[in-house]
Protein backbone atom coordinates (compact mmCIF):
# COMPACT_ATOMS: atom_id res chain seq x y z
CA UNK A 1 -0.08 0.05 -0.03
CA UNK A 2 1.11 4.04 -0.46
CA UNK A 3 -0.37 5.90 2.07
CA UNK A 4 1.22 9.18 4.14
CA UNK A 5 2.89 7.44 6.99
CA UNK A 6 1.66 3.88 6.36
CA UNK A 7 2.96 0.84 4.41
CA UNK A 8 3.00 0.59 0.85
CA UNK A 9 3.03 -3.52 0.41
CA UNK A 10 3.56 -4.91 -2.97
CA UNK A 11 2.91 -8.62 -3.37
CA UNK A 12 6.33 -10.75 -3.22
CA UNK A 13 7.90 -7.61 -2.43
CA UNK A 14 8.98 -6.55 0.95
CA UNK A 15 10.93 -2.95 2.03
CA UNK A 16 10.54 -0.47 4.36
CA UNK A 17 12.43 1.95 6.70
CA UNK A 18 12.43 5.23 9.01
CA UNK A 19 14.95 7.34 10.33
CA UNK A 20 14.47 10.52 13.11
CA UNK A 21 16.34 12.93 14.00
CA UNK A 22 16.24 15.34 16.34
CA UNK A 23 18.24 18.79 16.14
CA UNK A 24 18.75 21.87 17.75
CA UNK A 25 16.75 24.98 16.58
CA UNK A 26 18.75 27.79 14.96
CA UNK A 27 21.24 30.05 17.77
CA UNK A 28 19.53 32.43 19.71
CA UNK A 29 21.79 35.11 17.86
CA UNK A 30 20.63 34.59 14.46
CA UNK A 31 18.86 37.60 13.60
CA UNK A 32 15.22 37.21 13.06
CA UNK A 33 14.46 37.69 8.77
CA UNK A 34 18.19 36.85 8.05
CA UNK A 35 18.64 35.69 4.01
CA UNK A 36 20.56 32.98 2.70
CA UNK A 37 24.09 33.39 3.86
CA UNK A 38 23.35 36.15 5.97
CA UNK A 39 25.75 36.05 9.41
CA UNK A 40 24.61 37.51 12.85
CA UNK A 41 28.01 37.47 14.68
CA UNK A 42 28.09 36.27 17.98
CA UNK A 43 31.19 36.87 20.41
CA UNK A 44 32.20 34.25 22.97
CA UNK A 45 35.89 35.01 24.18
CA UNK A 46 37.78 35.30 26.97
CA UNK A 47 38.40 38.23 29.15
CA UNK A 48 41.84 38.80 27.93
CA UNK A 49 41.50 36.85 24.38
CA UNK A 50 42.10 39.07 21.29
CA UNK A 51 39.11 39.04 18.57
CA UNK A 52 40.04 37.19 15.92
CA UNK A 53 38.52 38.01 12.28
CA UNK A 54 36.10 35.39 10.62
CA UNK A 55 34.32 36.69 7.45
CA UNK A 56 32.23 34.02 5.64
CA UNK A 57 33.29 33.70 2.10
CA UNK A 58 30.19 30.72 1.20
CA UNK A 59 27.61 29.53 2.86
CA UNK A 60 24.64 26.71 1.28
CA UNK A 61 23.48 23.50 2.34
CA UNK A 62 26.49 21.37 1.91
CA UNK A 63 29.06 23.82 1.79
CA UNK A 64 29.96 26.18 4.19
CA UNK A 65 33.33 27.91 3.53
CA UNK A 66 35.22 31.24 5.83
CA UNK A 67 38.32 33.44 5.87
CA UNK A 68 40.49 33.81 8.94
CA UNK A 69 43.89 34.37 10.17
CA UNK A 70 46.42 32.45 8.52
CA UNK A 71 46.93 28.57 10.85
CA UNK A 72 43.85 29.33 12.77
CA UNK A 73 42.20 25.91 14.04
CA UNK A 74 38.23 25.97 13.19
CA UNK A 75 35.78 23.57 13.69
CA UNK A 76 31.71 24.27 13.05
CA UNK A 77 28.18 22.39 14.03
CA UNK A 78 25.05 22.13 12.32
CA UNK A 79 21.67 23.20 12.64
CA UNK A 80 19.40 21.56 10.38
CA UNK A 81 16.00 20.44 10.52
CA UNK A 82 15.78 16.76 9.20
CA UNK A 83 12.80 15.02 8.13
CA UNK A 84 10.87 12.08 10.13
CA UNK A 85 12.01 9.88 7.52
CA UNK A 86 15.74 9.68 5.46
CA UNK A 87 19.08 10.43 6.22
CA UNK A 88 20.18 12.80 8.18
CA UNK A 89 23.26 15.84 7.69
CA UNK A 90 26.06 15.92 9.71
CA UNK A 91 25.54 17.88 13.36
CA UNK A 92 29.22 18.53 13.68
CA UNK A 93 31.88 19.31 10.96
CA UNK A 94 35.59 18.32 11.42
CA UNK A 95 38.43 20.65 12.64
CA UNK A 96 40.29 22.20 10.22
CA UNK A 97 43.42 24.57 9.97
CA UNK A 98 43.26 27.44 7.92
CA UNK A 99 45.93 27.49 5.27
CA UNK A 100 48.56 30.31 4.12
CA UNK A 101 45.50 32.52 3.13
CA UNK A 102 43.37 31.70 5.79
CA UNK A 103 40.91 29.73 4.20
CA UNK A 104 38.65 27.00 5.67
CA UNK A 105 36.23 25.19 3.55
CA UNK A 106 33.88 22.12 4.37
CA UNK A 107 32.10 20.06 1.89
CA UNK A 108 29.56 17.47 3.61
CA UNK A 109 26.88 15.51 2.98
CA UNK A 110 23.19 16.99 2.06
CA UNK A 111 20.53 14.20 2.01
CA UNK A 112 16.89 15.22 1.21
CA UNK A 113 15.67 17.19 3.95
CA UNK A 114 12.50 19.50 4.12
CA UNK A 115 12.86 23.30 2.80
CA UNK A 116 13.58 25.86 5.45
CA UNK A 117 16.21 27.94 7.47
CA UNK A 118 18.68 26.47 9.04
CA UNK A 119 21.76 27.18 10.91
CA UNK A 120 25.39 27.17 11.81
CA UNK A 121 28.14 28.14 14.34
CA UNK A 122 31.78 28.45 13.88
CA UNK A 123 34.85 28.64 16.37
CA UNK A 124 38.29 29.95 15.32
CA UNK A 125 41.43 29.88 17.38
CA UNK A 126 44.86 30.72 17.23
CA UNK A 127 46.97 31.55 19.99
CA UNK A 128 45.09 33.92 22.34
CA UNK A 129 42.77 35.18 19.97
CA UNK A 130 39.40 33.48 19.69
CA UNK A 131 36.00 34.02 17.85
CA UNK A 132 32.33 32.67 17.56
CA UNK A 133 30.22 33.24 14.43
CA UNK A 134 26.80 32.16 13.69
CA UNK A 135 24.38 32.35 10.75
CA UNK A 136 21.83 30.93 8.84
CA UNK A 137 21.41 30.06 5.40
CA UNK A 138 17.95 28.26 3.04
CA UNK A 139 17.44 24.76 2.25
CA UNK A 140 15.02 25.35 -0.61
CA UNK A 141 12.39 23.13 -2.00
CA UNK A 142 13.65 19.99 -3.76
CA UNK A 143 10.62 18.49 -6.06
CA UNK A 144 11.51 15.01 -6.70
CA UNK A 145 11.33 14.16 -9.98
CA UNK A 146 11.73 10.29 -11.93
CA UNK A 147 13.83 12.35 -14.53
CA UNK A 148 16.33 13.22 -11.81
CA UNK A 149 17.12 11.56 -8.69
CA UNK A 150 19.67 9.86 -6.12
CA UNK A 151 19.27 6.63 -4.13
CA UNK A 152 21.49 5.10 -1.45
CA UNK A 153 21.21 2.09 -1.04
CA UNK A 154 22.61 0.56 2.42
CA UNK A 155 22.49 -2.78 3.94
CA UNK A 156 21.98 -0.81 7.38
CA UNK A 157 19.52 -1.63 10.04
CA UNK A 158 16.38 0.43 9.24
CA UNK A 159 15.71 3.05 12.45
CA UNK A 160 11.90 2.57 13.23
CA UNK A 161 11.02 -0.65 11.83
CA UNK A 162 10.65 -3.67 13.83
CA UNK A 163 11.44 -6.90 12.63
CA UNK A 164 13.24 -10.59 13.15
CA UNK A 165 16.74 -10.24 11.45
CA UNK A 166 17.72 -13.54 9.97
CA UNK A 167 21.06 -14.48 9.96
CA UNK A 168 20.39 -17.37 7.03
CA UNK A 169 19.29 -14.28 4.70
CA UNK A 170 22.29 -12.33 5.40
CA UNK A 171 24.46 -13.72 1.99
CA UNK A 172 21.00 -13.14 0.08
CA UNK A 173 20.74 -9.55 1.48
CA UNK A 174 24.39 -9.07 0.70
CA UNK A 175 23.99 -10.04 -2.96
CA UNK A 176 20.96 -8.31 -3.41
CA UNK A 177 22.32 -5.04 -2.54
CA UNK A 178 25.15 -5.53 -4.66
CA UNK A 179 23.00 -6.09 -7.65
CA UNK A 180 20.44 -3.20 -6.98
CA UNK A 181 23.80 -0.72 -6.81
CA UNK A 182 25.03 -2.17 -9.92
CA UNK A 183 21.93 -2.62 -11.77
CA UNK A 184 19.38 0.38 -10.86
CA UNK A 185 20.23 3.18 -12.70
CA UNK A 186 20.23 0.68 -15.67
CA UNK A 187 17.11 -0.67 -14.74
CA UNK A 188 15.21 2.66 -14.15
CA UNK A 189 16.21 3.86 -17.28
CA UNK A 190 15.10 0.91 -19.12
CA UNK A 191 11.59 0.98 -17.22
CA UNK A 192 11.14 4.37 -18.24
CA UNK A 193 11.88 4.10 -21.79
CA UNK A 194 15.07 5.82 -21.81
CA UNK A 195 13.31 9.14 -20.10
CA UNK A 196 14.02 8.74 -16.53
CA UNK A 197 17.54 8.57 -14.56
CA UNK A 198 18.91 7.64 -11.20
CA UNK A 199 22.72 7.99 -9.36
CA UNK A 200 23.08 5.77 -7.22
CA UNK A 201 25.19 7.76 -4.65
CA UNK A 202 26.97 6.97 -0.82
CA UNK A 203 25.81 9.86 0.37
CA UNK A 204 23.64 13.06 0.09
CA UNK A 205 20.91 10.83 -1.43
CA UNK A 206 17.19 12.08 -2.71
CA UNK A 207 15.97 8.58 -0.68
CA UNK A 208 17.81 6.03 0.90
CA UNK A 209 16.75 2.49 0.07
CA UNK A 210 17.36 -0.82 2.84
CA UNK A 211 18.17 -3.88 2.13
CA UNK A 212 16.92 -6.10 4.88
CA UNK A 213 17.71 -9.88 5.96
CA UNK A 214 14.48 -10.73 7.00
CA UNK A 215 10.92 -11.84 6.03
CA UNK A 216 8.26 -8.99 6.19
CA UNK A 217 6.42 -7.00 3.23
CA UNK A 218 8.15 -4.79 1.21
CA UNK A 219 7.05 -1.12 1.79
CA UNK A 220 7.48 2.39 0.54
CA UNK A 221 6.68 5.19 3.57
CA UNK A 222 6.38 8.85 3.76
CA UNK A 223 6.13 11.27 6.38
CA UNK A 224 3.87 14.42 6.52
CA UNK A 225 6.72 16.90 6.01
CA UNK A 226 7.29 14.77 2.37
CA UNK A 227 10.71 12.87 4.07
CA UNK A 228 10.78 9.28 2.69
CA UNK A 229 12.03 5.91 2.58
CA UNK A 230 12.06 2.67 1.51
CA UNK A 231 12.82 -1.01 2.74
CA UNK A 232 13.33 -4.09 0.59
CA UNK A 233 13.10 -7.43 2.63
CA UNK A 234 14.67 -10.41 0.94
CA UNK A 235 12.13 -12.79 2.17
CA UNK A 236 8.61 -11.85 1.49
CA UNK A 237 5.14 -14.33 2.10
CA UNK A 238 6.12 -17.28 -0.25
CA UNK A 239 9.71 -17.54 1.44
CA UNK A 240 13.07 -15.63 0.33
CA UNK A 241 13.49 -13.96 -3.81
CA UNK A 242 16.31 -14.28 -5.48
CA UNK A 243 18.20 -11.32 -6.72
CA UNK A 244 17.03 -10.43 -9.35
CA UNK A 245 13.22 -10.09 -8.09
CA UNK A 246 14.32 -8.16 -5.01
CA UNK A 247 15.80 -5.96 -7.78
CA UNK A 248 12.09 -5.96 -9.38
CA UNK A 249 11.04 -4.92 -5.80
CA UNK A 250 13.53 -2.32 -5.84
CA UNK A 251 12.15 -0.69 -8.83
CA UNK A 252 8.31 -1.12 -7.92
CA UNK A 253 8.95 0.59 -4.38
CA UNK A 254 10.73 3.38 -6.27
CA UNK A 255 7.58 3.85 -8.64
CA UNK A 256 5.25 4.34 -5.07
CA UNK A 257 6.70 7.66 -4.78
CA UNK A 258 4.79 8.70 -7.95
CA UNK A 259 1.99 5.94 -8.30
CA UNK A 260 -0.39 5.02 -7.86
CA UNK A 261 -3.06 7.05 -6.76
CA UNK A 262 -6.69 8.27 -7.72
CA UNK A 263 -9.59 6.28 -9.67
CA UNK A 264 -9.19 2.38 -10.01
CA UNK A 265 -6.32 2.21 -7.20
CA UNK A 266 -5.74 0.49 -3.74
CA UNK A 267 -3.13 1.41 -1.47
CA UNK A 268 -0.79 2.26 -4.64
CA UNK A 269 -1.81 -0.70 -6.70
CA UNK A 270 -4.29 -0.92 -9.66
CA UNK A 271 -7.33 -2.39 -9.17
CA UNK A 272 -7.88 -3.38 -12.44
CA UNK A 273 -5.18 -4.85 -14.59
CA UNK A 274 -4.84 -3.39 -18.20
CA UNK A 275 -2.54 -4.86 -20.91
CA UNK A 276 -0.08 -1.90 -21.83
CA UNK A 277 0.93 -1.80 -25.58
CA UNK A 278 3.99 -3.17 -26.52
CA UNK A 279 4.42 -5.09 -23.17
CA UNK A 280 4.48 -8.97 -23.04
CA UNK A 281 4.42 -12.02 -20.38
CA UNK A 282 5.45 -10.54 -16.85
CA UNK A 283 5.53 -6.81 -18.17
CA UNK A 284 2.19 -6.69 -19.87
CA UNK A 285 0.20 -5.17 -17.19
CA UNK A 286 3.43 -3.06 -15.63
CA UNK A 287 4.92 -2.80 -12.47
CA UNK A 288 2.33 -1.76 -10.28
CA UNK A 289 -0.20 -3.84 -9.94
CA UNK A 290 -0.83 -6.40 -6.93
CA UNK A 291 0.31 -9.03 -6.87
CA UNK A 292 3.35 -8.87 -9.13
CA UNK A 293 5.25 -12.19 -9.74
CA UNK A 294 8.18 -13.35 -11.48
CA UNK A 295 8.26 -16.55 -13.73
CA UNK A 296 10.76 -19.28 -14.32
CA UNK A 297 12.06 -20.22 -17.58
CA UNK A 298 13.67 -23.23 -16.72
CA UNK A 299 16.99 -21.25 -14.99
CA UNK A 300 16.32 -18.00 -15.84
CA UNK A 301 13.72 -16.06 -13.76
CA UNK A 302 12.10 -13.23 -15.55
CA UNK A 303 10.60 -10.17 -13.02
CA UNK A 304 8.57 -7.35 -14.05
CA UNK A 305 10.83 -4.29 -15.00
CA UNK A 306 8.64 -1.90 -17.15
CA UNK A 307 6.30 0.23 -16.76
CA UNK A 308 3.09 0.46 -18.36
CA UNK A 309 1.39 3.19 -20.30
CA UNK A 310 -0.83 4.64 -17.77
CA UNK A 311 2.19 4.48 -15.26
CA UNK A 312 3.94 6.08 -17.17
CA UNK A 313 1.60 9.02 -16.85
CA UNK A 314 1.60 8.55 -13.04
CA UNK A 315 5.18 9.01 -12.79
CA UNK A 316 4.48 12.51 -14.70
CA UNK A 317 5.86 11.67 -18.20
CA UNK A 318 3.24 13.37 -20.82
CA UNK A 319 4.61 11.90 -23.81
CA UNK A 320 6.92 8.76 -24.14
CA UNK A 321 8.14 6.41 -26.77
CA UNK A 322 6.67 2.90 -27.18
CA UNK A 323 8.80 -0.09 -25.11
CA UNK A 324 12.24 -0.89 -26.77
CA UNK A 325 11.41 -3.83 -28.39
CA UNK A 326 13.13 -7.15 -26.51
CA UNK A 327 15.21 -9.43 -28.48
CA UNK A 328 13.34 -12.39 -27.00
CA UNK A 329 10.24 -11.23 -27.03
CA UNK A 330 11.00 -10.64 -30.56
CA UNK A 331 12.00 -13.66 -31.48
CA UNK A 332 9.08 -15.15 -29.84
CA UNK A 333 6.77 -13.26 -31.86
CA UNK A 334 8.38 -14.27 -35.20
CA UNK A 335 7.91 -18.16 -33.99
CA UNK A 336 4.67 -17.65 -32.99
CA UNK A 337 3.65 -16.16 -36.38
CA UNK A 338 5.65 -18.95 -38.27
CA UNK A 339 3.54 -21.63 -35.85
CA UNK A 340 0.41 -19.79 -36.92
CA UNK A 341 0.86 -19.77 -40.44
CA UNK A 342 2.30 -23.56 -40.45
CA UNK A 343 -0.72 -24.35 -38.49
CA UNK A 344 -3.00 -22.93 -41.24
CA UNK A 345 -1.49 -25.00 -44.26
CA UNK A 346 -0.97 -28.24 -41.49
CA UNK A 347 -5.19 -28.15 -41.33
CA UNK A 348 -5.74 -27.46 -45.04
CA UNK A 349 -3.46 -30.31 -46.37
CA UNK A 350 -5.20 -32.33 -43.26
CA UNK A 351 -8.63 -31.58 -45.30
CA UNK A 352 -7.38 -32.34 -48.63
CA UNK A 353 -5.93 -35.82 -47.46
CA UNK A 354 -9.52 -36.95 -45.45
CA UNK A 355 -11.22 -35.59 -48.71
CA UNK A 356 -9.28 -38.48 -50.71
CA UNK A 357 -9.81 -41.03 -48.09
CA UNK A 358 -13.83 -40.53 -48.20
CA UNK A 359 -14.00 -40.32 -51.94
CA UNK A 360 -11.98 -43.61 -52.11
CA UNK A 361 -12.85 -45.93 -49.07
CA UNK A 362 -11.47 -48.83 -51.42
CA UNK A 363 -8.66 -47.41 -53.02
CA UNK A 364 -7.86 -44.82 -55.39
CA UNK A 365 -6.53 -44.48 -58.99
CA UNK A 366 -2.75 -44.17 -59.02
CA UNK A 367 -2.67 -40.61 -59.87
CA UNK A 368 -4.41 -39.74 -57.13
CA UNK A 369 -3.23 -42.15 -54.67
CA UNK A 370 0.49 -39.96 -55.48
CA UNK A 371 -1.25 -36.94 -54.86
CA UNK A 372 -2.28 -38.74 -51.39
CA UNK A 373 1.05 -39.55 -51.00
CA UNK A 374 2.58 -36.41 -51.73
CA UNK A 375 0.04 -34.12 -49.43
CA UNK A 376 0.85 -36.87 -46.54
CA UNK A 377 4.38 -36.15 -47.01
CA UNK A 378 3.94 -32.16 -47.12
CA UNK A 379 1.97 -32.42 -43.65
CA UNK A 380 4.50 -34.84 -41.87
CA UNK A 381 6.94 -32.21 -43.24
CA UNK A 382 5.36 -29.40 -42.32
CA UNK A 383 4.08 -30.72 -39.21
CA UNK A 384 8.14 -31.69 -38.06
CA UNK A 385 9.01 -28.57 -38.86
CA UNK A 386 6.30 -26.44 -36.60
CA UNK A 387 7.03 -28.94 -33.60
CA UNK A 388 10.68 -27.72 -33.89
CA UNK A 389 9.53 -24.32 -33.59
CA UNK A 390 7.24 -24.86 -30.87
CA UNK A 391 10.25 -26.49 -28.55
CA UNK A 392 12.27 -23.18 -29.95
CA UNK A 393 9.51 -21.13 -28.60
CA UNK A 394 9.22 -23.18 -25.46
CA UNK A 395 12.80 -22.95 -24.72
CA UNK A 396 13.05 -18.92 -25.35
CA UNK A 397 13.16 -17.14 -21.47
CA UNK A 398 10.34 -14.82 -22.04
CA UNK A 399 6.51 -14.74 -22.81
CA UNK A 400 5.26 -13.13 -25.73
CA UNK A 401 1.19 -13.69 -24.62
């Protein structure tokens, strides 16, 4: 299911995670109404200390830079309100020593957090001279779009999630997380017909995807502050899934960020299955139906990894190309066409053979008999060829129905 402050369920899929961070409010010395990068300086020095000049040269979410005396040791803290879910930025920045030009620069992880005003406190000291500088900066609104966003994939335990870890599932968890990291960007681009783009990153992500060694129902969850996260449990209702299935889980749960709400939906899934033009087999109805299943073709497991037309619209794409041809599906469709044509010919040959048998129950004249034998030979040869093509069709690791 997909609703605010609730879980999104996908049959055979499982995922969930949460992160709550409590941050201090901006310093009381911040001037009310100060804009981005505007400083409100507070001095906290010993009576015998010499004030140390500090000039903030650049401040924005993810960056803090200042100029002070060469050799001064500086430290800084941040006051940033994090969302209910998702990663939190650091609260403390590492101590730095100003270079010969007096510059100190911090770049830090800047995951998606609610927009608003944040604060910083910088302390620099050299010998007996010291100074404290405080200020504020704005965190802008960052709309989350399927055309460009970042994902952090981790095997860390998701906060605020109750589950029973299973040590036996750890190898599957690690293998699934590795495959998701390696393929998610390509899978997302393919699923969205080349229009979507995501980047798997180690920090500063728009959304964090937890992969958990446990059995539960995967879900996407969002807070009223627009923070959100995903947890993929590697074992679902019918037991452990394989690695490819867990990649499909990740795609499905990411789809819930934008899909599916409104008429003919329930908990983020379509109520009515609707075949989409150009999609076949496991992809026929898209990625956002419930249940969504994988199909085994011998040693090959085929899992849904294409968004349907109505899902592309739900994701915000107003125009999009047809799905890219799948070589296996193309071969399957060609074999189906050849088999259908052959069966039509076989039916005609059989009709001619039966007509001769009915007309000459006691034996046919030589000329008719020769024709009869020829028809049987044609029928048998074509039937053998057709059976061979049926074998090829059944051996393909895809379904073109």
